[in-house]
Amino acid sequence: MPFAQAPTGALQLKWELRNHGWATCHLADDSHQASLSVSYCTDALADLVAAAGGLYGQLRTARFFFDAEPQELRWVLRATDALIDVTIYQFPDVSVSPGLPDNAGTVIWQSAYSRRLFSHAVLNAAQTVYTEHGEAGYQAKWMLHPFPVALVQDLRRLHLRNDDCGLPHDHAHP
């Protein structure tokens, strides 16, 4: 999988529910793209939204992982004064990788975005899933976890209050 190395001006993130318990997280920026298969063994969309929201407080680094059965896809978000550094590491076996340091994994995505652009992309991805499936449809496909309504609402509130975002926002529920 290719990865970006330099900061870019755009990030597109799409969350696509597939068969029961599986989703694809599509990432694309000005020069690279990747598609990550994700299992419902983790509450992956909620973890992504929560991590983005956490970077509005004192949190400078957020870590979470997607279970790709059997791989682990570990996200590490590091906030600097101006940017969010997004690095995704792939580990071959989720049953042994949680105790391993980040650098033991293979970097499959690395780039940096403003907090405004990163949060906007995460919000758009979550809102699109909600618009397409609603809470009941999401639960039926994702099975183990409900749609993260409160986390999306919190991220939207933080984003609109703290970021000077001139991009359009969908204010429909959640």
C-alpha atoms as a PDB file:
ATOM      1  CA  MET A   1       0.000   0.000   0.000  1.00  0.00           C
ATOM      2  CA  PRO A   2       1.407   3.424  -0.876  1.00  0.00           C
ATOM      3  CA  PHE A   3       1.741   6.138   1.743  1.00  0.00           C
ATOM      4  CA  ALA A   4       2.036   9.891   1.687  1.00  0.00           C
ATOM      5  CA  GLN A   5       5.030  11.552   3.293  1.00  0.00           C
ATOM      6  CA  ALA A   6       4.571  15.281   2.890  1.00  0.00           C
ATOM      7  CA  PRO A   7       1.842  17.485   4.330  1.00  0.00           C
ATOM      8  CA  THR A   8      -0.946  17.982   1.847  1.00  0.00           C
ATOM      9  CA  GLY A   9      -3.824  20.378   1.479  1.00  0.00           C
ATOM     10  CA  ALA A  10      -6.594  17.801   1.140  1.00  0.00           C
ATOM     11  CA  LEU A  11      -7.791  14.624   2.774  1.00  0.00           C
ATOM     12  CA  GLN A  12     -10.730  12.530   1.738  1.00  0.00           C
ATOM     13  CA  LEU A  13     -11.884   9.819   4.067  1.00  0.00           C
ATOM     14  CA  LYS A  14     -14.740   7.482   3.239  1.00  0.00           C
ATOM     15  CA  TRP A  15     -16.216   4.785   5.470  1.00  0.00           C
ATOM     16  CA  GLU A  16     -17.974   2.085   3.478  1.00  0.00           C
ATOM     17  CA  LEU A  17     -19.975  -0.611   5.263  1.00  0.00           C
ATOM     18  CA  ARG A  18     -19.715  -3.891   3.395  1.00  0.00           C
ATOM     19  CA  ASN A  19     -20.844  -7.355   4.455  1.00  0.00           C
ATOM     20  CA  HIS A  20     -22.006  -7.904   8.012  1.00  0.00           C
ATOM     21  CA  GLY A  21     -19.191  -6.882  10.326  1.00  0.00           C
ATOM     22  CA  TRP A  22     -16.845  -5.490   7.660  1.00  0.00           C
ATOM     23  CA  ALA A  23     -16.081  -1.993   6.389  1.00  0.00           C
ATOM     24  CA  THR A  24     -13.535  -0.331   4.176  1.00  0.00           C
ATOM     25  CA  CYS A  25     -11.863   2.889   5.228  1.00  0.00           C
ATOM     26  CA  HIS A  26     -10.741   4.722   2.090  1.00  0.00           C
ATOM     27  CA  LEU A  27      -8.091   7.436   2.462  1.00  0.00           C
ATOM     28  CA  ALA A  28      -6.982   9.756  -0.306  1.00  0.00           C
ATOM     29  CA  ASP A  29      -5.058  13.000  -0.464  1.00  0.00           C
ATOM     30  CA  ASP A  30      -3.477  15.035  -3.232  1.00  0.00           C
ATOM     31  CA  SER A  31      -1.105  12.267  -4.266  1.00  0.00           C
ATOM     32  CA  HIS A  32      -1.855   8.964  -2.496  1.00  0.00           C
ATOM     33  CA  GLN A  33      -4.690   6.636  -1.658  1.00  0.00           C
ATOM     34  CA  ALA A  34      -5.241   3.534   0.446  1.00  0.00           C
ATOM     35  CA  SER A  35      -8.135   1.258   1.331  1.00  0.00           C
ATOM     36  CA  LEU A  36      -8.144  -0.481   4.709  1.00  0.00           C
ATOM     37  CA  SER A  37     -10.382  -3.473   5.418  1.00  0.00           C
ATOM     38  CA  VAL A  38     -11.800  -3.263   8.932  1.00  0.00           C
ATOM     39  CA  SER A  39     -13.583  -5.837  11.092  1.00  0.00           C
ATOM     40  CA  TYR A  40     -16.241  -5.207  13.719  1.00  0.00           C
ATOM     41  CA  CYS A  41     -13.983  -6.750  16.373  1.00  0.00           C
ATOM     42  CA  THR A  42     -13.131  -3.152  17.272  1.00  0.00           C
ATOM     43  CA  ASP A  43     -15.503  -0.179  17.304  1.00  0.00           C
ATOM     44  CA  ALA A  44     -13.378   1.318  14.545  1.00  0.00           C
ATOM     45  CA  LEU A  45     -15.460   4.296  13.380  1.00  0.00           C
ATOM     46  CA  ALA A  46     -16.146   5.341  16.980  1.00  0.00           C
ATOM     47  CA  ASP A  47     -12.426   5.057  17.786  1.00  0.00           C
ATOM     48  CA  LEU A  48     -11.513   7.261  14.812  1.00  0.00           C
ATOM     49  CA  VAL A  49     -14.103   9.914  15.720  1.00  0.00           C
ATOM     50  CA  ALA A  50     -13.130   9.843  19.423  1.00  0.00           C
ATOM     51  CA  ALA A  51      -9.422  10.224  18.597  1.00  0.00           C
ATOM     52  CA  ALA A  52     -10.100  13.217  16.337  1.00  0.00           C
ATOM     53  CA  GLY A  53     -12.193  14.820  19.080  1.00  0.00           C
ATOM     54  CA  GLY A  54      -9.574  14.106  21.725  1.00  0.00           C
ATOM     55  CA  LEU A  55      -7.028  16.224  19.874  1.00  0.00           C
ATOM     56  CA  TYR A  56      -9.013  19.367  20.748  1.00  0.00           C
ATOM     57  CA  GLY A  57      -8.029  19.116  24.421  1.00  0.00           C
ATOM     58  CA  GLN A  58      -4.730  18.471  26.139  1.00  0.00           C
ATOM     59  CA  LEU A  59      -4.209  15.199  24.275  1.00  0.00           C
ATOM     60  CA  ARG A  60      -1.175  15.462  21.981  1.00  0.00           C
ATOM     61  CA  THR A  61      -1.096  11.829  20.810  1.00  0.00           C
ATOM     62  CA  ALA A  62      -3.993   9.459  20.164  1.00  0.00           C
ATOM     63  CA  ARG A  63      -3.574   5.747  19.405  1.00  0.00           C
ATOM     64  CA  PHE A  64      -6.210   3.228  18.388  1.00  0.00           C
ATOM     65  CA  PHE A  65      -6.327   0.249  16.090  1.00  0.00           C
ATOM     66  CA  PHE A  66      -8.542  -1.425  13.559  1.00  0.00           C
ATOM     67  CA  ASP A  67      -8.752  -5.203  13.621  1.00  0.00           C
ATOM     68  CA  ALA A  68      -8.273  -6.406  10.056  1.00  0.00           C
ATOM     69  CA  GLU A  69      -8.357 -10.093  11.028  1.00  0.00           C
ATOM     70  CA  PRO A  70      -5.638 -11.147  11.460  1.00  0.00           C
ATOM     71  CA  GLN A  71      -3.714  -7.885  10.982  1.00  0.00           C
ATOM     72  CA  GLU A  72      -3.687  -4.877  13.274  1.00  0.00           C
ATOM     73  CA  LEU A  73      -3.899  -1.449  11.640  1.00  0.00           C
ATOM     74  CA  ARG A  74      -2.613   0.927  14.320  1.00  0.00           C
ATOM     75  CA  TRP A  75      -3.363   4.618  13.920  1.00  0.00           C
ATOM     76  CA  VAL A  76      -1.137   7.137  15.665  1.00  0.00           C
ATOM     77  CA  LEU A  77      -2.272  10.764  15.572  1.00  0.00           C
ATOM     78  CA  ARG A  78       0.232  13.321  16.841  1.00  0.00           C
ATOM     79  CA  ALA A  79      -0.796  16.931  17.249  1.00  0.00           C
ATOM     80  CA  THR A  80       1.796  19.637  16.737  1.00  0.00           C
ATOM     81  CA  ASP A  81       1.122  23.368  16.846  1.00  0.00           C
ATOM     82  CA  ALA A  82      -0.092  23.457  13.261  1.00  0.00           C
ATOM     83  CA  LEU A  83      -0.669  19.898  12.068  1.00  0.00           C
ATOM     84  CA  ILE A  84      -1.976  16.447  12.892  1.00  0.00           C
ATOM     85  CA  ASP A  85       0.561  13.825  11.838  1.00  0.00           C
ATOM     86  CA  VAL A  86      -1.343  10.702  10.781  1.00  0.00           C
ATOM     87  CA  THR A  87       0.652   7.474  10.697  1.00  0.00           C
ATOM     88  CA  ILE A  88      -0.899   4.053  10.182  1.00  0.00           C
ATOM     89  CA  TYR A  89       1.181   0.987  10.978  1.00  0.00           C
ATOM     90  CA  GLN A  90       0.326  -2.536   9.864  1.00  0.00           C
ATOM     91  CA  PHE A  91       1.182  -5.519  12.054  1.00  0.00           C
ATOM     92  CA  PRO A  92       0.746  -9.085  10.790  1.00  0.00           C
ATOM     93  CA  ASP A  93      -1.073 -10.496  13.830  1.00  0.00           C
ATOM     94  CA  VAL A  94      -3.400  -8.560  16.130  1.00  0.00           C
ATOM     95  CA  SER A  95      -3.119 -11.290  18.767  1.00  0.00           C
ATOM     96  CA  VAL A  96       0.551 -10.417  19.446  1.00  0.00           C
ATOM     97  CA  SER A  97       0.992  -6.822  18.224  1.00  0.00           C
ATOM     98  CA  PRO A  98      -0.641  -4.774  21.038  1.00  0.00           C
ATOM     99  CA  GLY A  99       2.543  -5.043  23.128  1.00  0.00           C
ATOM    100  CA  LEU A 100       4.843  -4.105  20.250  1.00  0.00           C
ATOM    101  CA  PRO A 101       6.189  -0.576  19.720  1.00  0.00           C
ATOM    102  CA  ASP A 102       4.905   1.398  16.748  1.00  0.00           C
ATOM    103  CA  ASN A 103       8.179   1.063  14.842  1.00  0.00           C
ATOM    104  CA  ALA A 104       7.799  -2.738  14.842  1.00  0.00           C
ATOM    105  CA  GLY A 105       4.983  -2.290  12.312  1.00  0.00           C
ATOM    106  CA  THR A 106       5.125  -1.376   8.633  1.00  0.00           C
ATOM    107  CA  VAL A 107       4.108   2.202   7.821  1.00  0.00           C
ATOM    108  CA  ILE A 108       1.265   2.074   5.294  1.00  0.00           C
ATOM    109  CA  TRP A 109       0.173   5.726   5.542  1.00  0.00           C
ATOM    110  CA  GLN A 110       1.965   8.807   6.750  1.00  0.00           C
ATOM    111  CA  SER A 111       0.982  12.381   6.165  1.00  0.00           C
ATOM    112  CA  ALA A 112       0.062  15.544   8.000  1.00  0.00           C
ATOM    113  CA  TYR A 113      -3.036  17.743   7.848  1.00  0.00           C
ATOM    114  CA  SER A 114      -4.368  20.714   9.675  1.00  0.00           C
ATOM    115  CA  ARG A 115      -6.699  19.767  12.515  1.00  0.00           C
ATOM    116  CA  ARG A 116      -9.477  21.544  10.617  1.00  0.00           C
ATOM    117  CA  LEU A 117      -9.002  19.395   7.490  1.00  0.00           C
ATOM    118  CA  PHE A 118      -8.543  16.143   9.396  1.00  0.00           C
ATOM    119  CA  SER A 119     -11.586  16.670  11.611  1.00  0.00           C
ATOM    120  CA  HIS A 120     -13.687  17.773   8.656  1.00  0.00           C
ATOM    121  CA  ALA A 121     -12.780  14.610   6.732  1.00  0.00           C
ATOM    122  CA  VAL A 122     -13.633  12.386   9.725  1.00  0.00           C
ATOM    123  CA  LEU A 123     -16.958  14.193  10.236  1.00  0.00           C
ATOM    124  CA  ASN A 124     -17.863  13.896   6.564  1.00  0.00           C
ATOM    125  CA  ALA A 125     -17.123  10.165   6.574  1.00  0.00           C
ATOM    126  CA  ALA A 126     -19.258   9.573   9.677  1.00  0.00           C
ATOM    127  CA  GLN A 127     -22.093  11.785   8.417  1.00  0.00           C
ATOM    128  CA  THR A 128     -22.161  10.005   5.049  1.00  0.00           C
ATOM    129  CA  VAL A 129     -22.461   6.620   6.784  1.00  0.00           C
ATOM    130  CA  TYR A 130     -25.265   7.975   8.973  1.00  0.00           C
ATOM    131  CA  THR A 131     -27.121   9.500   6.013  1.00  0.00           C
ATOM    132  CA  GLU A 132     -26.821   6.284   4.006  1.00  0.00           C
ATOM    133  CA  HIS A 133     -27.667   3.777   6.748  1.00  0.00           C
ATOM    134  CA  GLY A 134     -29.133   5.567   9.767  1.00  0.00           C
ATOM    135  CA  GLU A 135     -28.641   4.178  13.262  1.00  0.00           C
ATOM    136  CA  ALA A 136     -30.635   0.987  12.696  1.00  0.00           C
ATOM    137  CA  GLY A 137     -28.998   0.231   9.347  1.00  0.00           C
ATOM    138  CA  TYR A 138     -25.534   0.826  10.781  1.00  0.00           C
ATOM    139  CA  GLN A 139     -26.232  -1.487  13.720  1.00  0.00           C
ATOM    140  CA  ALA A 140     -27.614  -4.169  11.365  1.00  0.00           C
ATOM    141  CA  LYS A 141     -24.423  -4.143   9.265  1.00  0.00           C
ATOM    142  CA  TRP A 142     -21.802  -3.408  11.947  1.00  0.00           C
ATOM    143  CA  MET A 143     -23.568  -5.684  14.443  1.00  0.00           C
ATOM    144  CA  LEU A 144     -21.470  -5.395  17.619  1.00  0.00           C
ATOM    145  CA  HIS A 145     -21.446  -1.605  17.983  1.00  0.00           C
ATOM    146  CA  PRO A 146     -24.036   1.160  17.540  1.00  0.00           C
ATOM    147  CA  PHE A 147     -23.404   4.230  15.418  1.00  0.00           C
ATOM    148  CA  PRO A 148     -21.320   6.677  17.529  1.00  0.00           C
ATOM    149  CA  VAL A 149     -23.924   9.459  17.639  1.00  0.00           C
ATOM    150  CA  ALA A 150     -22.621  11.257  20.741  1.00  0.00           C
ATOM    151  CA  LEU A 151     -18.993  11.133  19.580  1.00  0.00           C
ATOM    152  CA  VAL A 152     -19.927  12.580  16.176  1.00  0.00           C
ATOM    153  CA  GLN A 153     -21.957  15.333  17.843  1.00  0.00           C
ATOM    154  CA  ASP A 154     -19.031  16.146  20.158  1.00  0.00           C
ATOM    155  CA  LEU A 155     -16.530  16.265  17.289  1.00  0.00           C
ATOM    156  CA  ARG A 156     -18.870  18.484  15.225  1.00  0.00           C
ATOM    157  CA  ARG A 157     -19.299  20.888  18.171  1.00  0.00           C
ATOM    158  CA  LEU A 158     -15.532  21.082  18.785  1.00  0.00           C
ATOM    159  CA  HIS A 159     -14.737  21.462  15.083  1.00  0.00           C
ATOM    160  CA  LEU A 160     -17.258  24.242  14.489  1.00  0.00           C
ATOM    161  CA  ARG A 161     -16.310  26.072  17.704  1.00  0.00           C
ATOM    162  CA  ASN A 162     -12.513  25.850  17.364  1.00  0.00           C
ATOM    163  CA  ASP A 163     -11.681  25.630  13.662  1.00  0.00           C
ATOM    164  CA  ASP A 164     -12.147  28.320  11.078  1.00  0.00           C
ATOM    165  CA  CYS A 165     -13.659  25.880   8.582  1.00  0.00           C
ATOM    166  CA  GLY A 166     -15.150  27.400   5.469  1.00  0.00           C
ATOM    167  CA  LEU A 167     -16.146  24.004   4.068  1.00  0.00           C
ATOM    168  CA  PRO A 168     -19.829  22.966   4.012  1.00  0.00           C
ATOM    169  CA  HIS A 169     -21.194  21.001   6.981  1.00  0.00           C
ATOM    170  CA  ASP A 170     -24.199  18.705   7.107  1.00  0.00           C
ATOM    171  CA  HIS A 171     -26.071  19.513  10.308  1.00  0.00           C
ATOM    172  CA  ALA A 172     -28.612  16.711  10.000  1.00  0.00           C
ATOM    173  CA  HIS A 173     -28.541  14.189  12.784  1.00  0.00           C
ATOM    174  CA  PRO A 174     -26.493  12.765  14.322  1.00  0.00           C
END
